[in-house]
């Protein structure tokens, strides 16, 4: 998982932490790149409710606009994904 690689933490370490940048970043990137519904993303991430997925993605999108560190981490994750696709 690109987020795990960039953050140097395993999903299990941040998956259930409300507002954790890693969890919300994973949700945001999945929404951006996977073409899945909110419910499908939630299912892939351990059965998260689609409402939680929606609010986490939106919260993260807003946070990214004002936090350059978070924006940089997202770019690193996207770059990691692109490198793995080739």
PDB file of N, CA and C in Angstrom:
ATOM      1  N   UNK A   1       0.849  -1.177   0.000  1.00  0.00           N
ATOM      2  CA  UNK A   1       0.000   0.000   0.000  1.00  0.00           C
ATOM      3  C   UNK A   1       0.898   1.245   0.000  1.00  0.00           C
ATOM      4  N   UNK A   2       0.626   2.158  -0.884  1.00  0.00           N
ATOM      5  CA  UNK A   2       1.449   3.360  -1.042  1.00  0.00           C
ATOM      6  C   UNK A   2       1.470   4.211   0.223  1.00  0.00           C
ATOM      7  N   UNK A   3       0.344   4.322   0.901  1.00  0.00           N
ATOM      8  CA  UNK A   3       0.291   5.147   2.114  1.00  0.00           C
ATOM      9  C   UNK A   3       1.185   4.542   3.193  1.00  0.00           C
ATOM     10  N   UNK A   4       1.144   3.233   3.339  1.00  0.00           N
ATOM     11  CA  UNK A   4       2.014   2.572   4.311  1.00  0.00           C
ATOM     12  C   UNK A   4       3.485   2.855   3.987  1.00  0.00           C
ATOM     13  N   UNK A   5       3.832   2.772   2.726  1.00  0.00           N
ATOM     14  CA  UNK A   5       5.212   2.996   2.298  1.00  0.00           C
ATOM     15  C   UNK A   5       5.661   4.417   2.614  1.00  0.00           C
ATOM     16  N   UNK A   6       4.849   5.392   2.259  1.00  0.00           N
ATOM     17  CA  UNK A   6       5.213   6.796   2.455  1.00  0.00           C
ATOM     18  C   UNK A   6       5.251   7.165   3.941  1.00  0.00           C
ATOM     19  N   UNK A   7       4.287   6.671   4.713  1.00  0.00           N
ATOM     20  CA  UNK A   7       4.234   7.023   6.132  1.00  0.00           C
ATOM     21  C   UNK A   7       5.151   6.155   6.995  1.00  0.00           C
ATOM     22  N   UNK A   8       5.526   5.001   6.468  1.00  0.00           N
ATOM     23  CA  UNK A   8       6.361   4.097   7.246  1.00  0.00           C
ATOM     24  C   UNK A   8       5.603   3.453   8.395  1.00  0.00           C
ATOM     25  N   UNK A   9       4.292   3.307   8.228  1.00  0.00           N
ATOM     26  CA  UNK A   9       3.412   2.698   9.239  1.00  0.00           C
ATOM     27  C   UNK A   9       2.496   1.707   8.550  1.00  0.00           C
ATOM     28  N   UNK A  10       2.099   0.691   9.258  1.00  0.00           N
ATOM     29  CA  UNK A  10       1.176  -0.305   8.730  1.00  0.00           C
ATOM     30  C   UNK A  10      -0.270   0.179   8.896  1.00  0.00           C
ATOM     31  N   UNK A  11      -1.137  -0.253   7.986  1.00  0.00           N
ATOM     32  CA  UNK A  11      -2.552   0.096   8.006  1.00  0.00           C
ATOM     33  C   UNK A  11      -3.159  -0.179   9.377  1.00  0.00           C
ATOM     34  N   UNK A  12      -2.844  -1.317   9.960  1.00  0.00           N
ATOM     35  CA  UNK A  12      -3.437  -1.701  11.251  1.00  0.00           C
ATOM     36  C   UNK A  12      -3.094  -0.699  12.360  1.00  0.00           C
ATOM     37  N   UNK A  13      -2.001   0.067  12.169  1.00  0.00           N
ATOM     38  CA  UNK A  13      -1.590   1.034  13.183  1.00  0.00           C
ATOM     39  C   UNK A  13      -2.385   2.331  13.134  1.00  0.00           C
ATOM     40  N   UNK A  14      -3.043   2.600  12.013  1.00  0.00           N
ATOM     41  CA  UNK A  14      -3.805   3.847  11.926  1.00  0.00           C
ATOM     42  C   UNK A  14      -5.229   3.673  11.404  1.00  0.00           C
ATOM     43  N   UNK A  15      -5.617   2.465  11.096  1.00  0.00           N
ATOM     44  CA  UNK A  15      -6.910   2.217  10.452  1.00  0.00           C
ATOM     45  C   UNK A  15      -8.106   2.658  11.276  1.00  0.00           C
ATOM     46  N   UNK A  16      -8.037   2.522  12.560  1.00  0.00           N
ATOM     47  CA  UNK A  16      -9.201   2.826  13.397  1.00  0.00           C
ATOM     48  C   UNK A  16      -9.067   4.137  14.159  1.00  0.00           C
ATOM     49  N   UNK A  17      -8.123   4.955  13.756  1.00  0.00           N
ATOM     50  CA  UNK A  17      -7.900   6.231  14.421  1.00  0.00           C
ATOM     51  C   UNK A  17      -8.670   7.335  13.702  1.00  0.00           C
ATOM     52  N   UNK A  18      -9.741   7.813  14.332  1.00  0.00           N
ATOM     53  CA  UNK A  18     -10.534   8.900  13.762  1.00  0.00           C
ATOM     54  C   UNK A  18      -9.638  10.102  13.482  1.00  0.00           C
ATOM     55  N   UNK A  19      -9.713  10.606  12.275  1.00  0.00           N
ATOM     56  CA  UNK A  19      -8.971  11.798  11.899  1.00  0.00           C
ATOM     57  C   UNK A  19      -7.493  11.568  11.633  1.00  0.00           C
ATOM     58  N   UNK A  20      -7.034  10.317  11.710  1.00  0.00           N
ATOM     59  CA  UNK A  20      -5.626  10.036  11.439  1.00  0.00           C
ATOM     60  C   UNK A  20      -5.340  10.336   9.975  1.00  0.00           C
ATOM     61  N   UNK A  21      -4.237  11.016   9.734  1.00  0.00           N
ATOM     62  CA  UNK A  21      -3.888  11.393   8.363  1.00  0.00           C
ATOM     63  C   UNK A  21      -3.723  10.167   7.476  1.00  0.00           C
ATOM     64  N   UNK A  22      -3.167   9.101   8.009  1.00  0.00           N
ATOM     65  CA  UNK A  22      -2.955   7.891   7.212  1.00  0.00           C
ATOM     66  C   UNK A  22      -4.255   7.246   6.775  1.00  0.00           C
ATOM     67  N   UNK A  23      -5.173   7.108   7.713  1.00  0.00           N
ATOM     68  CA  UNK A  23      -6.463   6.506   7.376  1.00  0.00           C
ATOM     69  C   UNK A  23      -7.208   7.366   6.366  1.00  0.00           C
ATOM     70  N   UNK A  24      -7.290   8.650   6.655  1.00  0.00           N
ATOM     71  CA  UNK A  24      -8.041   9.538   5.778  1.00  0.00           C
ATOM     72  C   UNK A  24      -7.360   9.703   4.425  1.00  0.00           C
ATOM     73  N   UNK A  25      -6.036   9.675   4.402  1.00  0.00           N
ATOM     74  CA  UNK A  25      -5.307   9.751   3.137  1.00  0.00           C
ATOM     75  C   UNK A  25      -5.585   8.514   2.284  1.00  0.00           C
ATOM     76  N   UNK A  26      -5.617   7.359   2.917  1.00  0.00           N
ATOM     77  CA  UNK A  26      -5.921   6.122   2.195  1.00  0.00           C
ATOM     78  C   UNK A  26      -7.302   6.209   1.568  1.00  0.00           C
ATOM     79  N   UNK A  27      -8.262   6.689   2.334  1.00  0.00           N
ATOM     80  CA  UNK A  27      -9.631   6.844   1.832  1.00  0.00           C
ATOM     81  C   UNK A  27      -9.663   7.851   0.682  1.00  0.00           C
ATOM     82  N   UNK A  28      -9.019   8.981   0.858  1.00  0.00           N
ATOM     83  CA  UNK A  28      -8.993  10.031  -0.170  1.00  0.00           C
ATOM     84  C   UNK A  28      -8.386   9.515  -1.472  1.00  0.00           C
ATOM     85  N   UNK A  29      -7.236   8.846  -1.368  1.00  0.00           N
ATOM     86  CA  UNK A  29      -6.558   8.345  -2.566  1.00  0.00           C
ATOM     87  C   UNK A  29      -7.376   7.239  -3.225  1.00  0.00           C
ATOM     88  N   UNK A  30      -7.988   6.396  -2.427  1.00  0.00           N
ATOM     89  CA  UNK A  30      -8.846   5.345  -2.994  1.00  0.00           C
ATOM     90  C   UNK A  30      -9.999   5.982  -3.765  1.00  0.00           C
ATOM     91  N   UNK A  31     -10.580   7.013  -3.204  1.00  0.00           N
ATOM     92  CA  UNK A  31     -11.686   7.713  -3.874  1.00  0.00           C
ATOM     93  C   UNK A  31     -11.202   8.349  -5.176  1.00  0.00           C
ATOM     94  N   UNK A  32     -10.018   8.900  -5.134  1.00  0.00           N
ATOM     95  CA  UNK A  32      -9.438   9.593  -6.281  1.00  0.00           C
ATOM     96  C   UNK A  32      -9.050   8.628  -7.399  1.00  0.00           C
ATOM     97  N   UNK A  33      -8.482   7.491  -7.061  1.00  0.00           N
ATOM     98  CA  UNK A  33      -7.840   6.628  -8.040  1.00  0.00           C
ATOM     99  C   UNK A  33      -8.559   5.331  -8.388  1.00  0.00           C
ATOM    100  N   UNK A  34      -9.423   4.831  -7.524  1.00  0.00           N
ATOM    101  CA  UNK A  34      -9.923   3.464  -7.713  1.00  0.00           C
ATOM    102  C   UNK A  34     -11.210   3.348  -8.512  1.00  0.00           C
ATOM    103  N   UNK A  35     -11.990   4.396  -8.568  1.00  0.00           N
ATOM    104  CA  UNK A  35     -13.250   4.312  -9.284  1.00  0.00           C
ATOM    105  C   UNK A  35     -14.298   3.449  -8.585  1.00  0.00           C
ATOM    106  N   UNK A  36     -14.135   3.265  -7.286  1.00  0.00           N
ATOM    107  CA  UNK A  36     -15.083   2.469  -6.506  1.00  0.00           C
ATOM    108  C   UNK A  36     -16.098   3.381  -5.839  1.00  0.00           C
ATOM    109  N   UNK A  37     -17.226   2.810  -5.461  1.00  0.00           N
ATOM    110  CA  UNK A  37     -18.206   3.573  -4.693  1.00  0.00           C
ATOM    111  C   UNK A  37     -17.687   3.731  -3.266  1.00  0.00           C
ATOM    112  N   UNK A  38     -18.319   4.626  -2.527  1.00  0.00           N
ATOM    113  CA  UNK A  38     -17.951   4.817  -1.126  1.00  0.00           C
ATOM    114  C   UNK A  38     -18.101   3.525  -0.336  1.00  0.00           C
ATOM    115  N   UNK A  39     -19.183   2.802  -0.596  1.00  0.00           N
ATOM    116  CA  UNK A  39     -19.413   1.529   0.085  1.00  0.00           C
ATOM    117  C   UNK A  39     -18.360   0.494  -0.260  1.00  0.00           C
ATOM    118  N   UNK A  40     -17.950   0.462  -1.522  1.00  0.00           N
ATOM    119  CA  UNK A  40     -16.919  -0.495  -1.937  1.00  0.00           C
ATOM    120  C   UNK A  40     -15.577  -0.166  -1.290  1.00  0.00           C
ATOM    121  N   UNK A  41     -15.253   1.108  -1.212  1.00  0.00           N
ATOM    122  CA  UNK A  41     -14.011   1.513  -0.543  1.00  0.00           C
ATOM    123  C   UNK A  41     -14.068   1.094   0.920  1.00  0.00           C
ATOM    124  N   UNK A  42     -15.178   1.393   1.567  1.00  0.00           N
ATOM    125  CA  UNK A  42     -15.343   1.004   2.968  1.00  0.00           C
ATOM    126  C   UNK A  42     -15.207  -0.494   3.163  1.00  0.00           C
ATOM    127  N   UNK A  43     -15.762  -1.261   2.245  1.00  0.00           N
ATOM    128  CA  UNK A  43     -15.652  -2.716   2.318  1.00  0.00           C
ATOM    129  C   UNK A  43     -14.219  -3.179   2.178  1.00  0.00           C
ATOM    130  N   UNK A  44     -13.490  -2.579   1.269  1.00  0.00           N
ATOM    131  CA  UNK A  44     -12.090  -2.939   1.060  1.00  0.00           C
ATOM    132  C   UNK A  44     -11.208  -2.553   2.247  1.00  0.00           C
ATOM    133  N   UNK A  45     -11.644  -1.572   3.000  1.00  0.00           N
ATOM    134  CA  UNK A  45     -10.854  -1.107   4.137  1.00  0.00           C
ATOM    135  C   UNK A  45     -11.369  -1.645   5.458  1.00  0.00           C
ATOM    136  N   UNK A  46     -11.971  -2.799   5.410  1.00  0.00           N
ATOM    137  CA  UNK A  46     -12.355  -3.471   6.644  1.00  0.00           C
ATOM    138  C   UNK A  46     -13.787  -3.274   7.084  1.00  0.00           C
ATOM    139  N   UNK A  47     -14.647  -2.881   6.165  1.00  0.00           N
ATOM    140  CA  UNK A  47     -16.058  -2.748   6.504  1.00  0.00           C
ATOM    141  C   UNK A  47     -16.450  -1.383   7.045  1.00  0.00           C
ATOM    142  N   UNK A  48     -15.750  -0.345   6.625  1.00  0.00           N
ATOM    143  CA  UNK A  48     -16.102   1.007   7.054  1.00  0.00           C
ATOM    144  C   UNK A  48     -17.414   1.425   6.394  1.00  0.00           C
ATOM    145  N   UNK A  49     -18.241   2.118   7.127  1.00  0.00           N
ATOM    146  CA  UNK A  49     -19.517   2.612   6.624  1.00  0.00           C
ATOM    147  C   UNK A  49     -19.282   3.662   5.534  1.00  0.00           C
ATOM    148  N   UNK A  50     -20.132   3.656   4.516  1.00  0.00           N
ATOM    149  CA  UNK A  50     -19.947   4.588   3.402  1.00  0.00           C
ATOM    150  C   UNK A  50     -20.025   6.042   3.862  1.00  0.00           C
ATOM    151  N   UNK A  51     -20.806   6.324   4.900  1.00  0.00           N
ATOM    152  CA  UNK A  51     -20.891   7.694   5.418  1.00  0.00           C
ATOM    153  C   UNK A  51     -19.562   8.120   6.027  1.00  0.00           C
ATOM    154  N   UNK A  52     -18.921   7.210   6.727  1.00  0.00           N
ATOM    155  CA  UNK A  52     -17.610   7.487   7.303  1.00  0.00           C
ATOM    156  C   UNK A  52     -16.593   7.740   6.197  1.00  0.00           C
ATOM    157  N   UNK A  53     -16.646   6.922   5.155  1.00  0.00           N
ATOM    158  CA  UNK A  53     -15.729   7.076   4.021  1.00  0.00           C
ATOM    159  C   UNK A  53     -15.937   8.438   3.369  1.00  0.00           C
ATOM    160  N   UNK A  54     -17.170   8.825   3.171  1.00  0.00           N
ATOM    161  CA  UNK A  54     -17.489  10.108   2.557  1.00  0.00           C
ATOM    162  C   UNK A  54     -16.975  11.270   3.397  1.00  0.00           C
ATOM    163  N   UNK A  55     -17.273  11.256   4.691  1.00  0.00           N
ATOM    164  CA  UNK A  55     -16.858  12.373   5.541  1.00  0.00           C
ATOM    165  C   UNK A  55     -15.336  12.418   5.699  1.00  0.00           C
ATOM    166  N   UNK A  56     -14.687  11.261   5.764  1.00  0.00           N
ATOM    167  CA  UNK A  56     -13.226  11.226   5.889  1.00  0.00           C
ATOM    168  C   UNK A  56     -12.566  11.781   4.627  1.00  0.00           C
ATOM    169  N   UNK A  57     -13.076  11.406   3.463  1.00  0.00           N
ATOM    170  CA  UNK A  57     -12.506  11.899   2.205  1.00  0.00           C
ATOM    171  C   UNK A  57     -12.670  13.409   2.091  1.00  0.00           C
ATOM    172  N   UNK A  58     -13.832  13.907   2.455  1.00  0.00           N
ATOM    173  CA  UNK A  58     -14.079  15.351   2.379  1.00  0.00           C
ATOM    174  C   UNK A  58     -13.236  16.103   3.403  1.00  0.00           C
ATOM    175  N   UNK A  59     -13.174  15.581   4.611  1.00  0.00           N
ATOM    176  CA  UNK A  59     -12.360  16.208   5.658  1.00  0.00           C
ATOM    177  C   UNK A  59     -10.897  16.267   5.213  1.00  0.00           C
ATOM    178  N   UNK A  60     -10.403  15.185   4.626  1.00  0.00           N
ATOM    179  CA  UNK A  60      -9.018  15.141   4.191  1.00  0.00           C
ATOM    180  C   UNK A  60      -8.776  16.109   3.031  1.00  0.00           C
ATOM    181  N   UNK A  61      -9.725  16.181   2.109  1.00  0.00           N
ATOM    182  CA  UNK A  61      -9.596  17.114   0.982  1.00  0.00           C
ATOM    183  C   UNK A  61      -9.453  18.547   1.485  1.00  0.00           C
ATOM    184  N   UNK A  62     -10.269  18.916   2.468  1.00  0.00           N
ATOM    185  CA  UNK A  62     -10.188  20.266   3.038  1.00  0.00           C
ATOM    186  C   UNK A  62      -8.859  20.475   3.768  1.00  0.00           C
ATOM    187  N   UNK A  63      -8.431  19.465   4.503  1.00  0.00           N
ATOM    188  CA  UNK A  63      -7.170  19.553   5.249  1.00  0.00           C
ATOM    189  C   UNK A  63      -5.985  19.720   4.293  1.00  0.00           C
ATOM    190  N   UNK A  64      -6.038  19.030   3.176  1.00  0.00           N
ATOM    191  CA  UNK A  64      -4.953  19.071   2.216  1.00  0.00           C
ATOM    192  C   UNK A  64      -4.775  20.474   1.623  1.00  0.00           C
ATOM    193  N   UNK A  65      -5.852  21.224   1.521  1.00  0.00           N
ATOM    194  CA  UNK A  65      -5.787  22.581   0.962  1.00  0.00           C
ATOM    195  C   UNK A  65      -4.966  23.530   1.826  1.00  0.00           C
ATOM    196  N   UNK A  66      -4.908  23.267   3.119  1.00  0.00           N
ATOM    197  CA  UNK A  66      -4.223  24.189   4.025  1.00  0.00           C
ATOM    198  C   UNK A  66      -2.947  23.613   4.637  1.00  0.00           C
ATOM    199  N   UNK A  67      -2.682  22.339   4.425  1.00  0.00           N
ATOM    200  CA  UNK A  67      -1.530  21.684   5.046  1.00  0.00           C
ATOM    201  C   UNK A  67      -0.582  21.185   3.955  1.00  0.00           C
ATOM    202  N   UNK A  68       0.497  21.921   3.739  1.00  0.00           N
ATOM    203  CA  UNK A  68       1.423  21.568   2.648  1.00  0.00           C
ATOM    204  C   UNK A  68       2.131  20.238   2.893  1.00  0.00           C
ATOM    205  N   UNK A  69       2.336  19.871   4.134  1.00  0.00           N
ATOM    206  CA  UNK A  69       2.960  18.577   4.430  1.00  0.00           C
ATOM    207  C   UNK A  69       2.057  17.439   3.959  1.00  0.00           C
ATOM    208  N   UNK A  70       0.779  17.563   4.246  1.00  0.00           N
ATOM    209  CA  UNK A  70      -0.190  16.540   3.820  1.00  0.00           C
ATOM    210  C   UNK A  70      -0.252  16.491   2.301  1.00  0.00           C
ATOM    211  N   UNK A  71      -0.283  17.639   1.667  1.00  0.00           N
ATOM    212  CA  UNK A  71      -0.316  17.690   0.203  1.00  0.00           C
ATOM    213  C   UNK A  71       0.918  16.992  -0.384  1.00  0.00           C
ATOM    214  N   UNK A  72       2.072  17.230   0.195  1.00  0.00           N
ATOM    215  CA  UNK A  72       3.307  16.595  -0.260  1.00  0.00           C
ATOM    216  C   UNK A  72       3.255  15.074  -0.082  1.00  0.00           C
ATOM    217  N   UNK A  73       2.701  14.609   1.036  1.00  0.00           N
ATOM    218  CA  UNK A  73       2.573  13.172   1.275  1.00  0.00           C
ATOM    219  C   UNK A  73       1.648  12.512   0.248  1.00  0.00           C
ATOM    220  N   UNK A  74       0.569  13.190  -0.093  1.00  0.00           N
ATOM    221  CA  UNK A  74      -0.350  12.662  -1.110  1.00  0.00           C
ATOM    222  C   UNK A  74       0.369  12.543  -2.447  1.00  0.00           C
ATOM    223  N   UNK A  75       1.132  13.555  -2.810  1.00  0.00           N
ATOM    224  CA  UNK A  75       1.880  13.506  -4.070  1.00  0.00           C
ATOM    225  C   UNK A  75       2.873  12.346  -4.069  1.00  0.00           C
ATOM    226  N   UNK A  76       3.522  12.109  -2.926  1.00  0.00           N
ATOM    227  CA  UNK A  76       4.444  10.974  -2.825  1.00  0.00           C
ATOM    228  C   UNK A  76       3.700   9.656  -2.995  1.00  0.00           C
ATOM    229  N   UNK A  77       2.529   9.541  -2.388  1.00  0.00           N
ATOM    230  CA  UNK A  77       1.725   8.319  -2.522  1.00  0.00           C
ATOM    231  C   UNK A  77       1.310   8.102  -3.972  1.00  0.00           C
ATOM    232  N   UNK A  78       0.848   9.142  -4.617  1.00  0.00           N
ATOM    233  CA  UNK A  78       0.434   9.023  -6.010  1.00  0.00           C
ATOM    234  C   UNK A  78       1.608   8.658  -6.902  1.00  0.00           C
ATOM    235  N   UNK A  79       2.760   9.210  -6.629  1.00  0.00           N
ATOM    236  CA  UNK A  79       3.961   8.879  -7.375  1.00  0.00           C
ATOM    237  C   UNK A  79       4.328   7.409  -7.156  1.00  0.00           C
ATOM    238  N   UNK A  80       4.235   6.944  -5.925  1.00  0.00           N
ATOM    239  CA  UNK A  80       4.507   5.537  -5.619  1.00  0.00           C
ATOM    240  C   UNK A  80       3.559   4.630  -6.391  1.00  0.00           C
ATOM    241  N   UNK A  81       2.283   4.997  -6.415  1.00  0.00           N
ATOM    242  CA  UNK A  81       1.304   4.196  -7.169  1.00  0.00           C
ATOM    243  C   UNK A  81       1.650   4.167  -8.652  1.00  0.00           C
ATOM    244  N   UNK A  82       1.989   5.320  -9.207  1.00  0.00           N
ATOM    245  CA  UNK A  82       2.325   5.382 -10.635  1.00  0.00           C
ATOM    246  C   UNK A  82       3.553   4.538 -10.944  1.00  0.00           C
ATOM    247  N   UNK A  83       4.544   4.563 -10.069  1.00  0.00           N
ATOM    248  CA  UNK A  83       5.759   3.766 -10.280  1.00  0.00           C
ATOM    249  C   UNK A  83       5.466   2.267 -10.205  1.00  0.00           C
ATOM    250  N   UNK A  84       4.507   1.889  -9.377  1.00  0.00           N
ATOM    251  CA  UNK A  84       4.147   0.473  -9.260  1.00  0.00           C
ATOM    252  C   UNK A  84       3.316  -0.017 -10.437  1.00  0.00           C
ATOM    253  N   UNK A  85       2.678   0.912 -11.147  1.00  0.00           N
ATOM    254  CA  UNK A  85       1.841   0.530 -12.284  1.00  0.00           C
ATOM    255  C   UNK A  85       2.661   0.271 -13.530  1.00  0.00           C
ATOM    256  N   UNK A  86       3.868   0.777 -13.578  1.00  0.00           N
ATOM    257  CA  UNK A  86       4.681   0.622 -14.792  1.00  0.00           C
ATOM    258  C   UNK A  86       5.576  -0.586 -14.698  1.00  0.00           C
TER     259      UNK A  86
END
